[in-house]
């Protein structure tokens, strides 16, 4: 009986520890980043769809370590490296199409945020946040 009680206590303790999250909502697997993410905020400002323009989003293909998406005007492609354990992400040189659109401000902010991104985090509710070297949020996204 005593061994059973000890076993149950140990099992409970292990379950409790394994369900803990590190500060800031760390991601346990690179696969959590996979897919398309609608950009909801960049540089502290909400991103709203502009009539006639595409929805701004970032796509992460973790199998190929490839970035793709749309900046609200132009298509975006590139590569990335990520260290899930430490919450680090870095985008290589990204390329984009070169069309002119009525509102180029969002595009400029998205491209700037991608260039400055050094880490990521998951907020409550599943929002993906890209952060700069000092931990300042640059861009917030939600799964499409």
Protein backbone atom coordinates (compact mmCIF):
# COMPACT_ATOMS: atom_id res chain seq x y z
CA UNK A 1 0.00 0.00 0.00
CA UNK A 2 2.83 2.36 0.90
CA UNK A 3 4.57 1.64 -2.46
CA UNK A 4 1.32 2.34 -4.32
CA UNK A 5 0.90 5.66 -2.53
CA UNK A 6 4.50 6.65 -3.28
CA UNK A 7 4.07 5.63 -6.94
CA UNK A 8 0.90 7.70 -7.26
CA UNK A 9 2.56 10.72 -5.65
CA UNK A 10 5.55 10.42 -7.98
CA UNK A 11 3.29 10.08 -11.02
CA UNK A 12 1.32 13.15 -9.96
CA UNK A 13 4.49 15.16 -9.43
CA UNK A 14 5.85 14.17 -12.85
CA UNK A 15 2.58 15.07 -14.54
CA UNK A 16 2.57 18.43 -12.81
CA UNK A 17 6.13 19.19 -13.83
CA UNK A 18 5.66 18.09 -17.41
CA UNK A 19 2.62 20.33 -17.82
CA UNK A 20 4.45 23.45 -16.61
CA UNK A 21 5.25 26.11 -19.15
CA UNK A 22 8.26 28.33 -19.03
CA UNK A 23 7.75 32.04 -18.66
CA UNK A 24 6.19 33.61 -21.71
CA UNK A 25 4.53 30.52 -23.16
CA UNK A 26 7.43 28.65 -24.71
CA UNK A 27 6.73 26.37 -27.64
CA UNK A 28 7.58 22.70 -27.17
CA UNK A 29 8.01 21.86 -30.86
CA UNK A 30 8.98 23.63 -34.04
CA UNK A 31 5.77 22.24 -35.56
CA UNK A 32 3.80 24.74 -33.45
CA UNK A 33 5.17 27.49 -35.72
CA UNK A 34 4.18 25.70 -38.92
CA UNK A 35 1.43 27.21 -41.06
CA UNK A 36 0.05 30.60 -41.97
CA UNK A 37 -0.22 33.43 -39.47
CA UNK A 38 -2.42 36.50 -40.06
CA UNK A 39 -0.57 39.65 -38.98
CA UNK A 40 -2.75 41.46 -36.44
CA UNK A 41 -0.27 44.01 -35.11
CA UNK A 42 3.04 45.44 -36.27
CA UNK A 43 5.13 48.12 -34.58
CA UNK A 44 2.44 48.46 -31.89
CA UNK A 45 -0.34 49.27 -34.35
CA UNK A 46 -3.27 47.08 -35.42
CA UNK A 47 -3.14 45.82 -39.01
CA UNK A 48 -6.46 46.19 -40.78
CA UNK A 49 -7.26 44.92 -44.24
CA UNK A 50 -7.39 47.71 -46.83
CA UNK A 51 -9.97 47.30 -49.61
CA UNK A 52 -8.26 46.16 -52.78
CA UNK A 53 -5.17 44.86 -50.97
CA UNK A 54 -4.33 41.38 -49.76
CA UNK A 55 -4.40 40.24 -46.15
CA UNK A 56 -0.97 40.56 -44.53
CA UNK A 57 0.29 37.17 -43.35
CA UNK A 58 3.43 35.17 -42.66
CA UNK A 59 3.71 31.50 -43.61
CA UNK A 60 6.30 29.27 -41.98
CA UNK A 61 7.09 25.94 -43.58
CA UNK A 62 9.13 24.22 -40.85
CA UNK A 63 9.86 21.13 -42.93
CA UNK A 64 11.74 23.25 -45.48
CA UNK A 65 12.63 26.10 -43.05
CA UNK A 66 11.03 28.48 -45.51
CA UNK A 67 9.24 31.80 -45.00
CA UNK A 68 6.51 33.00 -47.36
CA UNK A 69 3.60 35.38 -47.14
CA UNK A 70 2.22 38.74 -48.12
CA UNK A 71 3.06 42.14 -46.68
CA UNK A 72 -0.41 43.53 -47.63
CA UNK A 73 0.95 44.49 -51.02
CA UNK A 74 3.80 42.26 -52.17
CA UNK A 75 4.52 38.57 -51.86
CA UNK A 76 7.37 37.56 -49.59
CA UNK A 77 9.79 34.61 -49.66
CA UNK A 78 12.89 33.62 -47.72
CA UNK A 79 14.35 31.20 -45.22
CA UNK A 80 14.63 31.04 -41.46
CA UNK A 81 16.40 29.31 -38.62
CA UNK A 82 14.74 28.61 -35.26
CA UNK A 83 15.77 27.29 -31.87
CA UNK A 84 12.54 26.37 -30.09
CA UNK A 85 14.27 25.49 -26.83
CA UNK A 86 15.58 29.05 -26.46
CA UNK A 87 12.76 30.83 -28.33
CA UNK A 88 15.13 32.17 -30.98
CA UNK A 89 14.30 32.76 -34.63
CA UNK A 90 16.24 34.48 -37.38
CA UNK A 91 15.19 35.20 -40.93
CA UNK A 92 17.71 35.14 -43.73
CA UNK A 93 17.58 37.68 -46.50
CA UNK A 94 13.95 37.83 -47.64
CA UNK A 95 12.85 38.74 -51.14
CA UNK A 96 9.60 40.22 -52.31
CA UNK A 97 7.78 41.27 -55.44
CA UNK A 98 8.04 44.99 -56.20
CA UNK A 99 4.53 46.29 -56.89
CA UNK A 100 3.34 49.72 -55.77
CA UNK A 101 0.19 49.81 -53.66
CA UNK A 102 -1.89 52.66 -52.24
CA UNK A 103 -0.69 51.92 -48.69
CA UNK A 104 2.98 50.98 -48.49
CA UNK A 105 3.23 51.81 -44.77
CA UNK A 106 2.16 48.36 -43.53
CA UNK A 107 4.55 46.68 -45.94
CA UNK A 108 7.47 48.75 -44.70
CA UNK A 109 6.69 47.93 -41.09
CA UNK A 110 6.31 44.19 -41.79
CA UNK A 111 9.63 44.01 -43.66
CA UNK A 112 11.36 46.03 -40.93
CA UNK A 113 9.93 43.72 -38.23
CA UNK A 114 11.13 40.60 -40.06
CA UNK A 115 14.64 42.06 -40.38
CA UNK A 116 14.78 42.92 -36.66
CA UNK A 117 13.24 39.67 -35.35
CA UNK A 118 15.53 37.63 -33.10
CA UNK A 119 13.09 35.72 -30.87
CA UNK A 120 9.50 34.56 -30.68
CA UNK A 121 6.93 33.75 -28.05
CA UNK A 122 3.39 32.42 -27.82
CA UNK A 123 0.88 34.54 -25.94
CA UNK A 124 -2.25 33.26 -24.29
CA UNK A 125 -4.82 32.51 -26.95
CA UNK A 126 -2.16 31.17 -29.34
CA UNK A 127 -0.85 34.48 -30.72
CA UNK A 128 2.65 34.25 -32.16
CA UNK A 129 4.85 37.23 -31.31
CA UNK A 130 8.11 38.14 -33.01
CA UNK A 131 10.48 40.17 -30.82
CA UNK A 132 13.65 42.17 -31.33
CA UNK A 133 17.03 41.54 -29.71
CA UNK A 134 15.93 43.30 -26.51
CA UNK A 135 12.65 41.38 -26.25
CA UNK A 136 10.42 44.19 -27.52
CA UNK A 137 7.38 42.90 -29.49
CA UNK A 138 7.64 43.73 -33.18
CA UNK A 139 4.78 41.81 -34.73
CA UNK A 140 1.81 39.80 -33.43
CA UNK A 141 0.02 37.14 -35.45
CA UNK A 142 -2.81 34.64 -35.08
CA UNK A 143 -3.18 31.33 -36.87
CA UNK A 144 -5.23 31.58 -40.09
